[in-house]
Amino acid sequence: AGLGQDAYVGLMQATESLGPFAEVFEINEETQILRPWFGTAAGVFLSAVQEMLLQSDGENIYLLPAAPEEWSNLHFKLAAKGGAIVEAEIQENAIKKLDISFRPGVEPKKFKVFFRGRAL
């Protein structure tokens, strides 16, 4: 939705209540003393970070569609829809490396690529 700064603030708020093993809790209320061990919240947290770095719809690849400007030096390798694997290196808010490969058995195709909302 283009709300990278809001997403970043939400993630930082979630990290304020990490458990003793840096786990994210599904039940995260001030009045709740028992902190059960859940994997769902950690998965949602990780998914949110990944969606800030890369989004795709099978025809378009969006690099850093919701990442805050402070994230100016990054390197990631993530799966995209359509069987693509995207590896990107960003330095000083500029693309230094972009490699789009495909899983075995997936026929390569062309994608439109966007970086922080602008077509490349």
C-alpha atoms as a PDB file:
ATOM      1  CA  ALA A   1       0.000   0.000   0.000  1.00  0.00           C
ATOM      2  CA  GLY A   2       3.042   2.256  -0.120  1.00  0.00           C
ATOM      3  CA  LEU A   3       3.099   2.750   3.652  1.00  0.00           C
ATOM      4  CA  GLY A   4       6.717   1.794   4.190  1.00  0.00           C
ATOM      5  CA  GLN A   5       7.373   4.173   7.067  1.00  0.00           C
ATOM      6  CA  ASP A   6       4.220   3.025   8.898  1.00  0.00           C
ATOM      7  CA  ALA A   7       5.193  -0.626   8.335  1.00  0.00           C
ATOM      8  CA  TYR A   8       8.660   0.084   9.702  1.00  0.00           C
ATOM      9  CA  VAL A   9       7.248   1.779  12.809  1.00  0.00           C
ATOM     10  CA  GLY A  10       4.916  -1.193  13.378  1.00  0.00           C
ATOM     11  CA  LEU A  11       7.773  -3.671  13.104  1.00  0.00           C
ATOM     12  CA  MET A  12       9.902  -1.670  15.515  1.00  0.00           C
ATOM     13  CA  GLN A  13       7.007  -1.582  18.004  1.00  0.00           C
ATOM     14  CA  ALA A  14       6.690  -5.357  17.728  1.00  0.00           C
ATOM     15  CA  THR A  15      10.374  -5.807  18.559  1.00  0.00           C
ATOM     16  CA  GLU A  16       9.904  -3.940  21.845  1.00  0.00           C
ATOM     17  CA  SER A  17       8.109  -6.959  23.300  1.00  0.00           C
ATOM     18  CA  LEU A  18      10.278  -9.810  22.065  1.00  0.00           C
ATOM     19  CA  GLY A  19      10.576 -12.802  24.342  1.00  0.00           C
ATOM     20  CA  PRO A  20      13.718 -14.201  25.986  1.00  0.00           C
ATOM     21  CA  PHE A  21      14.681 -16.006  22.760  1.00  0.00           C
ATOM     22  CA  ALA A  22      13.856 -13.010  20.508  1.00  0.00           C
ATOM     23  CA  GLU A  23      10.538 -14.637  19.588  1.00  0.00           C
ATOM     24  CA  VAL A  24       7.497 -12.598  18.537  1.00  0.00           C
ATOM     25  CA  PHE A  25       4.295 -13.433  20.384  1.00  0.00           C
ATOM     26  CA  GLU A  26       0.860 -13.876  18.852  1.00  0.00           C
ATOM     27  CA  ILE A  27      -0.776 -12.712  22.075  1.00  0.00           C
ATOM     28  CA  ASN A  28       0.847  -9.389  22.815  1.00  0.00           C
ATOM     29  CA  GLU A  29      -1.201  -7.535  25.393  1.00  0.00           C
ATOM     30  CA  GLU A  30       0.035  -5.630  28.438  1.00  0.00           C
ATOM     31  CA  THR A  31      -2.382  -7.487  30.723  1.00  0.00           C
ATOM     32  CA  GLN A  32      -1.364 -10.910  29.448  1.00  0.00           C
ATOM     33  CA  ILE A  33       1.351 -12.348  31.677  1.00  0.00           C
ATOM     34  CA  LEU A  34       1.594 -15.806  30.097  1.00  0.00           C
ATOM     35  CA  ARG A  35       3.439 -15.559  26.802  1.00  0.00           C
ATOM     36  CA  PRO A  36       2.720 -18.777  24.886  1.00  0.00           C
ATOM     37  CA  TRP A  37       5.103 -19.971  22.191  1.00  0.00           C
ATOM     38  CA  PHE A  38       3.574 -19.436  18.742  1.00  0.00           C
ATOM     39  CA  GLY A  39       5.139 -19.577  15.313  1.00  0.00           C
ATOM     40  CA  THR A  40       2.371 -17.640  13.573  1.00  0.00           C
ATOM     41  CA  ALA A  41       3.401 -14.206  14.807  1.00  0.00           C
ATOM     42  CA  ALA A  42       7.038 -14.757  13.876  1.00  0.00           C
ATOM     43  CA  GLY A  43       5.968 -15.843  10.385  1.00  0.00           C
ATOM     44  CA  VAL A  44       3.804 -12.754   9.954  1.00  0.00           C
ATOM     45  CA  PHE A  45       6.681 -10.558  11.136  1.00  0.00           C
ATOM     46  CA  LEU A  46       9.064 -12.153   8.630  1.00  0.00           C
ATOM     47  CA  SER A  47       6.489 -11.933   5.846  1.00  0.00           C
ATOM     48  CA  ALA A  48       6.033  -8.209   6.555  1.00  0.00           C
ATOM     49  CA  VAL A  49       9.779  -7.589   6.246  1.00  0.00           C
ATOM     50  CA  GLN A  50       9.917  -9.562   2.999  1.00  0.00           C
ATOM     51  CA  GLU A  51       6.960  -7.631   1.555  1.00  0.00           C
ATOM     52  CA  MET A  52       8.754  -4.388   2.399  1.00  0.00           C
ATOM     53  CA  LEU A  53      11.737  -5.593   0.332  1.00  0.00           C
ATOM     54  CA  LEU A  54      10.047  -7.363  -2.584  1.00  0.00           C
ATOM     55  CA  GLN A  55       6.566  -7.721  -3.991  1.00  0.00           C
ATOM     56  CA  SER A  56       5.488  -9.362  -7.234  1.00  0.00           C
ATOM     57  CA  ASP A  57       2.361 -10.328  -9.120  1.00  0.00           C
ATOM     58  CA  GLY A  58       3.751 -12.703 -11.739  1.00  0.00           C
ATOM     59  CA  GLU A  59       4.285  -9.924 -14.303  1.00  0.00           C
ATOM     60  CA  ASN A  60       5.879  -7.152 -12.255  1.00  0.00           C
ATOM     61  CA  ILE A  61       8.609  -7.149  -9.638  1.00  0.00           C
ATOM     62  CA  TYR A  62       8.641  -4.330  -7.096  1.00  0.00           C
ATOM     63  CA  LEU A  63      11.927  -3.743  -5.286  1.00  0.00           C
ATOM     64  CA  LEU A  64      11.645  -1.908  -1.950  1.00  0.00           C
ATOM     65  CA  PRO A  65       7.974  -1.014  -2.501  1.00  0.00           C
ATOM     66  CA  ALA A  66       7.425  -0.339   1.181  1.00  0.00           C
ATOM     67  CA  ALA A  67      10.897   0.014   2.659  1.00  0.00           C
ATOM     68  CA  PRO A  68      11.707   3.215   4.515  1.00  0.00           C
ATOM     69  CA  GLU A  69      14.331   5.496   2.968  1.00  0.00           C
ATOM     70  CA  GLU A  70      16.643   4.653   5.901  1.00  0.00           C
ATOM     71  CA  TRP A  71      17.041   1.184   4.398  1.00  0.00           C
ATOM     72  CA  SER A  72      19.528   2.402   1.809  1.00  0.00           C
ATOM     73  CA  ASN A  73      22.083  -0.447   1.927  1.00  0.00           C
ATOM     74  CA  LEU A  74      20.576  -3.899   1.506  1.00  0.00           C
ATOM     75  CA  HIS A  75      21.315  -7.272  -0.006  1.00  0.00           C
ATOM     76  CA  PHE A  76      18.613  -9.922  -0.317  1.00  0.00           C
ATOM     77  CA  LYS A  77      17.627 -12.988  -2.287  1.00  0.00           C
ATOM     78  CA  LEU A  78      13.896 -13.737  -2.244  1.00  0.00           C
ATOM     79  CA  ALA A  79      11.349 -15.731  -4.213  1.00  0.00           C
ATOM     80  CA  ALA A  80       8.889 -13.879  -6.416  1.00  0.00           C
ATOM     81  CA  LYS A  81       5.641 -15.044  -7.983  1.00  0.00           C
ATOM     82  CA  GLY A  82       6.005 -16.794 -11.312  1.00  0.00           C
ATOM     83  CA  GLY A  83       8.902 -18.970 -10.181  1.00  0.00           C
ATOM     84  CA  ALA A  84      11.473 -16.173 -10.170  1.00  0.00           C
ATOM     85  CA  ILE A  85      14.249 -15.750  -7.640  1.00  0.00           C
ATOM     86  CA  VAL A  86      15.342 -12.150  -7.200  1.00  0.00           C
ATOM     87  CA  GLU A  87      18.731 -11.225  -5.815  1.00  0.00           C
ATOM     88  CA  ALA A  88      19.346  -7.528  -5.313  1.00  0.00           C
ATOM     89  CA  GLU A  89      22.067  -5.427  -3.793  1.00  0.00           C
ATOM     90  CA  ILE A  90      21.252  -1.824  -2.979  1.00  0.00           C
ATOM     91  CA  GLN A  91      23.962   0.651  -1.984  1.00  0.00           C
ATOM     92  CA  GLU A  92      23.227   4.272  -1.112  1.00  0.00           C
ATOM     93  CA  ASN A  93      19.682   3.829  -2.486  1.00  0.00           C
ATOM     94  CA  ALA A  94      20.969   2.705  -5.885  1.00  0.00           C
ATOM     95  CA  ILE A  95      20.792  -0.752  -7.431  1.00  0.00           C
ATOM     96  CA  LYS A  96      24.295  -2.206  -7.621  1.00  0.00           C
ATOM     97  CA  LYS A  97      23.215  -5.732  -8.542  1.00  0.00           C
ATOM     98  CA  LEU A  98      19.980  -7.228  -9.791  1.00  0.00           C
ATOM     99  CA  ASP A  99      19.766 -10.860 -10.826  1.00  0.00           C
ATOM    100  CA  ILE A 100      16.512 -12.596 -11.716  1.00  0.00           C
ATOM    101  CA  SER A 101      16.808 -16.350 -12.072  1.00  0.00           C
ATOM    102  CA  PHE A 102      14.195 -19.091 -12.132  1.00  0.00           C
ATOM    103  CA  ARG A 103      13.548 -22.250 -10.180  1.00  0.00           C
ATOM    104  CA  PRO A 104      14.406 -25.474 -12.014  1.00  0.00           C
ATOM    105  CA  GLY A 105      11.638 -26.458 -14.418  1.00  0.00           C
ATOM    106  CA  VAL A 106      10.243 -22.916 -14.656  1.00  0.00           C
ATOM    107  CA  GLU A 107      10.399 -21.340 -18.083  1.00  0.00           C
ATOM    108  CA  PRO A 108      12.106 -17.936 -17.872  1.00  0.00           C
ATOM    109  CA  LYS A 109      10.073 -14.876 -18.751  1.00  0.00           C
ATOM    110  CA  LYS A 110      10.446 -11.121 -18.675  1.00  0.00           C
ATOM    111  CA  PHE A 111       9.176  -8.991 -15.826  1.00  0.00           C
ATOM    112  CA  LYS A 112       8.659  -5.264 -15.551  1.00  0.00           C
ATOM    113  CA  VAL A 113      10.838  -4.135 -12.659  1.00  0.00           C
ATOM    114  CA  PHE A 114      10.146  -1.196 -10.380  1.00  0.00           C
ATOM    115  CA  PHE A 115      12.488   0.271  -7.775  1.00  0.00           C
ATOM    116  CA  ARG A 116      10.890   2.312  -4.997  1.00  0.00           C
ATOM    117  CA  GLY A 117       7.864   2.868  -7.245  1.00  0.00           C
ATOM    118  CA  ARG A 118       9.733   3.881 -10.400  1.00  0.00           C
ATOM    119  CA  ALA A 119      10.000   1.715 -13.503  1.00  0.00           C
ATOM    120  CA  LEU A 120      13.504   0.618 -14.477  1.00  0.00           C
END
